[in-house]
N, C-alpha and C. Protein backbone atom coordinates (compact mmCIF):
# COMPACT_ATOMS: atom_id res chain seq x y z
N MET A 1 38.43 -50.64 53.16
CA MET A 1 38.66 -49.91 51.95
C MET A 1 37.50 -48.95 51.79
N TRP A 2 37.77 -47.75 51.36
CA TRP A 2 36.74 -46.73 51.19
C TRP A 2 36.71 -46.27 49.74
N LEU A 3 35.54 -46.15 49.18
CA LEU A 3 35.39 -45.72 47.80
C LEU A 3 34.30 -44.66 47.73
N ALA A 4 34.48 -43.73 46.81
CA ALA A 4 33.43 -42.75 46.55
C ALA A 4 32.37 -43.41 45.67
N ASP A 5 31.13 -43.18 45.99
CA ASP A 5 30.02 -43.74 45.24
C ASP A 5 29.84 -42.97 43.94
N ASP A 6 29.90 -43.66 42.79
CA ASP A 6 29.76 -42.99 41.49
C ASP A 6 28.42 -42.28 41.35
N ALA A 7 27.40 -42.79 41.99
CA ALA A 7 26.08 -42.17 41.89
C ALA A 7 26.06 -40.80 42.56
N SER A 8 27.04 -40.51 43.40
CA SER A 8 27.06 -39.25 44.13
C SER A 8 27.49 -38.08 43.25
N THR A 9 27.88 -38.35 42.01
CA THR A 9 28.30 -37.27 41.13
C THR A 9 27.16 -36.32 40.82
N LYS A 10 25.93 -36.73 41.08
CA LYS A 10 24.77 -35.88 40.85
C LYS A 10 24.62 -34.84 41.96
N THR A 11 25.30 -35.04 43.08
CA THR A 11 25.23 -34.10 44.18
C THR A 11 26.56 -33.37 44.30
N SER A 12 26.59 -32.35 45.13
CA SER A 12 27.79 -31.54 45.24
C SER A 12 28.89 -32.20 46.07
N SER A 13 28.55 -33.17 46.90
CA SER A 13 29.58 -33.83 47.71
C SER A 13 29.54 -35.33 47.48
N ALA A 14 30.71 -35.93 47.49
CA ALA A 14 30.82 -37.37 47.26
C ALA A 14 30.40 -38.14 48.51
N MET A 15 29.67 -39.20 48.32
CA MET A 15 29.27 -40.05 49.42
C MET A 15 30.33 -41.14 49.57
N ILE A 16 30.77 -41.36 50.78
CA ILE A 16 31.78 -42.38 51.05
C ILE A 16 31.07 -43.58 51.65
N GLU A 17 31.43 -44.75 51.16
CA GLU A 17 30.84 -45.96 51.70
C GLU A 17 31.93 -46.98 51.98
N ALA A 18 31.72 -47.77 53.01
CA ALA A 18 32.68 -48.81 53.37
C ALA A 18 32.43 -50.05 52.52
N ILE A 19 33.50 -50.67 52.07
CA ILE A 19 33.40 -51.89 51.30
C ILE A 19 34.14 -52.97 52.08
N SER A 20 33.49 -54.06 52.30
CA SER A 20 34.11 -55.16 53.02
C SER A 20 34.47 -56.25 52.03
N CYS A 21 35.73 -56.59 51.97
CA CYS A 21 36.19 -57.63 51.04
C CYS A 21 36.26 -58.95 51.79
N SER A 22 35.57 -59.94 51.28
CA SER A 22 35.55 -61.26 51.90
C SER A 22 36.90 -61.95 51.70
N THR A 23 37.35 -62.62 52.73
CA THR A 23 38.57 -63.41 52.62
C THR A 23 38.29 -64.89 52.88
N SER A 24 37.02 -65.27 52.96
CA SER A 24 36.70 -66.66 53.24
C SER A 24 37.03 -67.53 52.04
N GLY A 25 37.71 -68.62 52.29
CA GLY A 25 38.00 -69.58 51.25
C GLY A 25 39.22 -69.27 50.39
N ASN A 26 39.82 -68.11 50.51
CA ASN A 26 40.94 -67.81 49.63
C ASN A 26 42.12 -67.16 50.35
N TYR A 27 42.12 -67.14 51.65
CA TYR A 27 43.19 -66.47 52.39
C TYR A 27 43.51 -67.27 53.64
N THR A 28 44.78 -67.58 53.82
CA THR A 28 45.23 -68.23 55.04
C THR A 28 46.44 -67.48 55.56
N LEU A 29 46.63 -67.49 56.85
CA LEU A 29 47.75 -66.77 57.46
C LEU A 29 49.10 -67.34 57.04
N ALA A 30 49.14 -68.60 56.63
CA ALA A 30 50.40 -69.22 56.23
C ALA A 30 50.56 -69.29 54.71
N GLY A 31 49.65 -68.69 53.96
CA GLY A 31 49.68 -68.79 52.51
C GLY A 31 50.60 -67.78 51.85
N ALA A 32 50.75 -67.93 50.54
CA ALA A 32 51.63 -67.06 49.76
C ALA A 32 51.11 -65.62 49.75
N TYR A 33 49.79 -65.45 49.67
CA TYR A 33 49.23 -64.09 49.67
C TYR A 33 49.55 -63.38 50.97
N ALA A 34 49.40 -64.07 52.09
CA ALA A 34 49.71 -63.47 53.40
C ALA A 34 51.18 -63.08 53.49
N ALA A 35 52.06 -63.93 52.99
CA ALA A 35 53.50 -63.61 53.00
C ALA A 35 53.78 -62.38 52.14
N ASN A 36 53.15 -62.29 50.97
CA ASN A 36 53.34 -61.13 50.10
C ASN A 36 52.76 -59.87 50.73
N LEU A 37 51.60 -60.01 51.38
CA LEU A 37 51.00 -58.87 52.06
C LEU A 37 51.90 -58.35 53.17
N ASN A 38 52.43 -59.25 53.97
CA ASN A 38 53.35 -58.85 55.04
C ASN A 38 54.60 -58.17 54.48
N GLN A 39 55.12 -58.70 53.37
CA GLN A 39 56.29 -58.10 52.73
C GLN A 39 55.97 -56.69 52.24
N PHE A 40 54.83 -56.55 51.59
CA PHE A 40 54.44 -55.24 51.08
C PHE A 40 54.26 -54.24 52.22
N LEU A 41 53.53 -54.64 53.25
CA LEU A 41 53.26 -53.72 54.36
C LEU A 41 54.53 -53.36 55.13
N ALA A 42 55.47 -54.29 55.25
CA ALA A 42 56.71 -54.01 55.97
C ALA A 42 57.51 -52.89 55.30
N GLY A 43 57.47 -52.83 53.97
CA GLY A 43 58.22 -51.80 53.26
C GLY A 43 57.44 -50.54 52.95
N LEU A 44 56.13 -50.55 53.23
CA LEU A 44 55.27 -49.44 52.84
C LEU A 44 55.68 -48.09 53.44
N PRO A 45 55.91 -47.97 54.74
CA PRO A 45 56.28 -46.65 55.27
C PRO A 45 57.54 -46.08 54.62
N GLU A 46 58.57 -46.89 54.47
CA GLU A 46 59.80 -46.40 53.85
C GLU A 46 59.59 -46.07 52.38
N ASN A 47 58.90 -46.94 51.67
CA ASN A 47 58.67 -46.70 50.25
C ASN A 47 57.83 -45.45 50.00
N ALA A 48 56.82 -45.23 50.82
CA ALA A 48 55.94 -44.08 50.61
C ALA A 48 56.56 -42.78 51.10
N VAL A 49 57.23 -42.82 52.23
CA VAL A 49 57.72 -41.58 52.85
C VAL A 49 59.14 -41.24 52.41
N SER A 50 60.05 -42.17 52.58
CA SER A 50 61.46 -41.87 52.34
C SER A 50 61.82 -41.81 50.86
N LYS A 51 61.19 -42.65 50.05
CA LYS A 51 61.61 -42.77 48.66
C LYS A 51 60.72 -42.01 47.67
N ASN A 52 59.48 -41.72 48.04
CA ASN A 52 58.55 -41.19 47.04
C ASN A 52 57.74 -39.98 47.51
N GLY A 53 58.19 -39.29 48.51
CA GLY A 53 57.54 -38.05 48.91
C GLY A 53 56.10 -38.17 49.36
N GLY A 54 55.72 -39.28 49.96
CA GLY A 54 54.37 -39.44 50.48
C GLY A 54 53.42 -40.20 49.57
N PHE A 55 53.93 -40.79 48.51
CA PHE A 55 53.08 -41.55 47.60
C PHE A 55 53.79 -42.84 47.21
N PHE A 56 53.04 -43.93 47.14
CA PHE A 56 53.63 -45.18 46.70
C PHE A 56 52.56 -46.06 46.07
N ASN A 57 52.89 -46.63 44.93
CA ASN A 57 52.04 -47.58 44.23
C ASN A 57 52.93 -48.77 43.91
N GLY A 58 52.65 -49.93 44.48
CA GLY A 58 53.54 -51.05 44.25
C GLY A 58 52.86 -52.40 44.36
N THR A 59 53.65 -53.44 44.18
CA THR A 59 53.17 -54.81 44.26
C THR A 59 54.19 -55.65 45.01
N ALA A 60 53.73 -56.82 45.45
CA ALA A 60 54.62 -57.82 46.04
C ALA A 60 54.11 -59.18 45.60
N GLY A 61 55.01 -60.05 45.18
CA GLY A 61 54.63 -61.40 44.79
C GLY A 61 54.33 -61.54 43.31
N ASP A 62 53.90 -62.77 42.96
CA ASP A 62 53.61 -63.13 41.57
C ASP A 62 52.27 -63.85 41.47
N GLY A 63 51.72 -63.86 40.28
CA GLY A 63 50.53 -64.65 39.99
C GLY A 63 49.33 -64.28 40.82
N ALA A 64 48.56 -65.32 41.18
CA ALA A 64 47.31 -65.11 41.92
C ALA A 64 47.55 -64.56 43.32
N ALA A 65 48.75 -64.73 43.85
CA ALA A 65 49.06 -64.27 45.20
C ALA A 65 49.67 -62.86 45.21
N THR A 66 49.62 -62.16 44.09
CA THR A 66 50.18 -60.81 44.02
C THR A 66 49.37 -59.85 44.88
N VAL A 67 50.07 -59.01 45.63
CA VAL A 67 49.44 -57.97 46.44
C VAL A 67 49.67 -56.65 45.72
N TYR A 68 48.61 -55.89 45.55
CA TYR A 68 48.68 -54.57 44.94
C TYR A 68 48.35 -53.55 46.03
N GLY A 69 49.12 -52.49 46.10
CA GLY A 69 48.84 -51.51 47.14
C GLY A 69 49.15 -50.10 46.70
N LEU A 70 48.51 -49.17 47.37
CA LEU A 70 48.67 -47.75 47.09
C LEU A 70 48.61 -47.00 48.40
N ALA A 71 49.51 -46.06 48.58
CA ALA A 71 49.49 -45.21 49.77
C ALA A 71 49.74 -43.77 49.34
N MET A 72 49.00 -42.87 49.92
CA MET A 72 49.20 -41.45 49.66
C MET A 72 48.97 -40.69 50.95
N CYS A 73 49.95 -39.92 51.34
CA CYS A 73 49.84 -39.13 52.56
C CYS A 73 49.17 -37.80 52.27
N PHE A 74 48.52 -37.26 53.28
CA PHE A 74 47.94 -35.94 53.15
C PHE A 74 49.05 -34.93 52.88
N ALA A 75 48.79 -33.97 52.03
CA ALA A 75 49.80 -32.98 51.65
C ALA A 75 50.28 -32.16 52.83
N ASP A 76 49.42 -31.96 53.83
CA ASP A 76 49.82 -31.14 54.97
C ASP A 76 50.44 -31.95 56.11
N TYR A 77 50.68 -33.25 55.91
CA TYR A 77 51.38 -34.07 56.90
C TYR A 77 52.88 -33.94 56.68
N SER A 78 53.61 -33.89 57.78
CA SER A 78 55.07 -33.96 57.65
C SER A 78 55.43 -35.40 57.29
N ARG A 79 56.66 -35.59 56.86
CA ARG A 79 57.09 -36.96 56.54
C ARG A 79 57.01 -37.86 57.77
N ALA A 80 57.38 -37.31 58.93
CA ALA A 80 57.31 -38.09 60.17
C ALA A 80 55.87 -38.49 60.48
N ASP A 81 54.92 -37.54 60.35
CA ASP A 81 53.52 -37.83 60.61
C ASP A 81 52.97 -38.86 59.63
N CYS A 82 53.36 -38.74 58.38
CA CYS A 82 52.93 -39.69 57.36
C CYS A 82 53.43 -41.09 57.70
N GLY A 83 54.70 -41.21 58.04
CA GLY A 83 55.27 -42.51 58.40
C GLY A 83 54.58 -43.11 59.61
N GLU A 84 54.32 -42.28 60.62
CA GLU A 84 53.64 -42.77 61.83
C GLU A 84 52.22 -43.23 61.51
N CYS A 85 51.54 -42.51 60.66
CA CYS A 85 50.19 -42.88 60.26
C CYS A 85 50.18 -44.23 59.54
N LEU A 86 51.10 -44.44 58.63
CA LEU A 86 51.18 -45.71 57.91
C LEU A 86 51.51 -46.86 58.85
N VAL A 87 52.46 -46.64 59.75
CA VAL A 87 52.83 -47.69 60.71
C VAL A 87 51.64 -48.02 61.60
N LEU A 88 50.93 -47.01 62.07
CA LEU A 88 49.76 -47.24 62.93
C LEU A 88 48.70 -48.03 62.19
N GLY A 89 48.43 -47.67 60.94
CA GLY A 89 47.44 -48.41 60.15
C GLY A 89 47.83 -49.86 59.96
N ILE A 90 49.10 -50.12 59.73
CA ILE A 90 49.59 -51.48 59.56
C ILE A 90 49.48 -52.25 60.87
N CYS A 91 49.84 -51.61 61.97
CA CYS A 91 49.77 -52.28 63.28
C CYS A 91 48.33 -52.56 63.69
N LEU A 92 47.42 -51.66 63.38
CA LEU A 92 46.00 -51.88 63.72
C LEU A 92 45.44 -53.04 62.92
N ARG A 93 46.01 -53.32 61.76
CA ARG A 93 45.60 -54.44 60.95
C ARG A 93 46.08 -55.75 61.54
N GLY A 94 47.04 -55.70 62.43
CA GLY A 94 47.56 -56.90 63.05
C GLY A 94 48.97 -57.24 62.63
N ASN A 95 49.55 -56.47 61.75
CA ASN A 95 50.94 -56.68 61.33
C ASN A 95 51.80 -55.74 62.16
N HIS A 96 53.05 -56.06 62.26
CA HIS A 96 53.98 -55.20 62.99
C HIS A 96 55.16 -54.88 62.09
N VAL A 97 55.45 -53.60 61.99
CA VAL A 97 56.53 -53.14 61.11
C VAL A 97 57.81 -53.07 61.90
């Protein structure tokens, strides 16, 4: 996950920093969160590209195992390029669409 550093507002360009989210103790491959994540990621390319013009904000699941996600394609990407980019990102994560 990448976030702009709020302290960078004092300079003319935003500083990007990597944030690593720990999954120790609260995530298992067979758990409800993993199932919701897989469900969300499986529908992400279609939801973002085919249904919403390159943007999607959605959820999967209920309660503590809810997955929240957001995808936005670059404005100069074609729909095909956007879909391929999303699929590649999902596959690099270890999921297969």
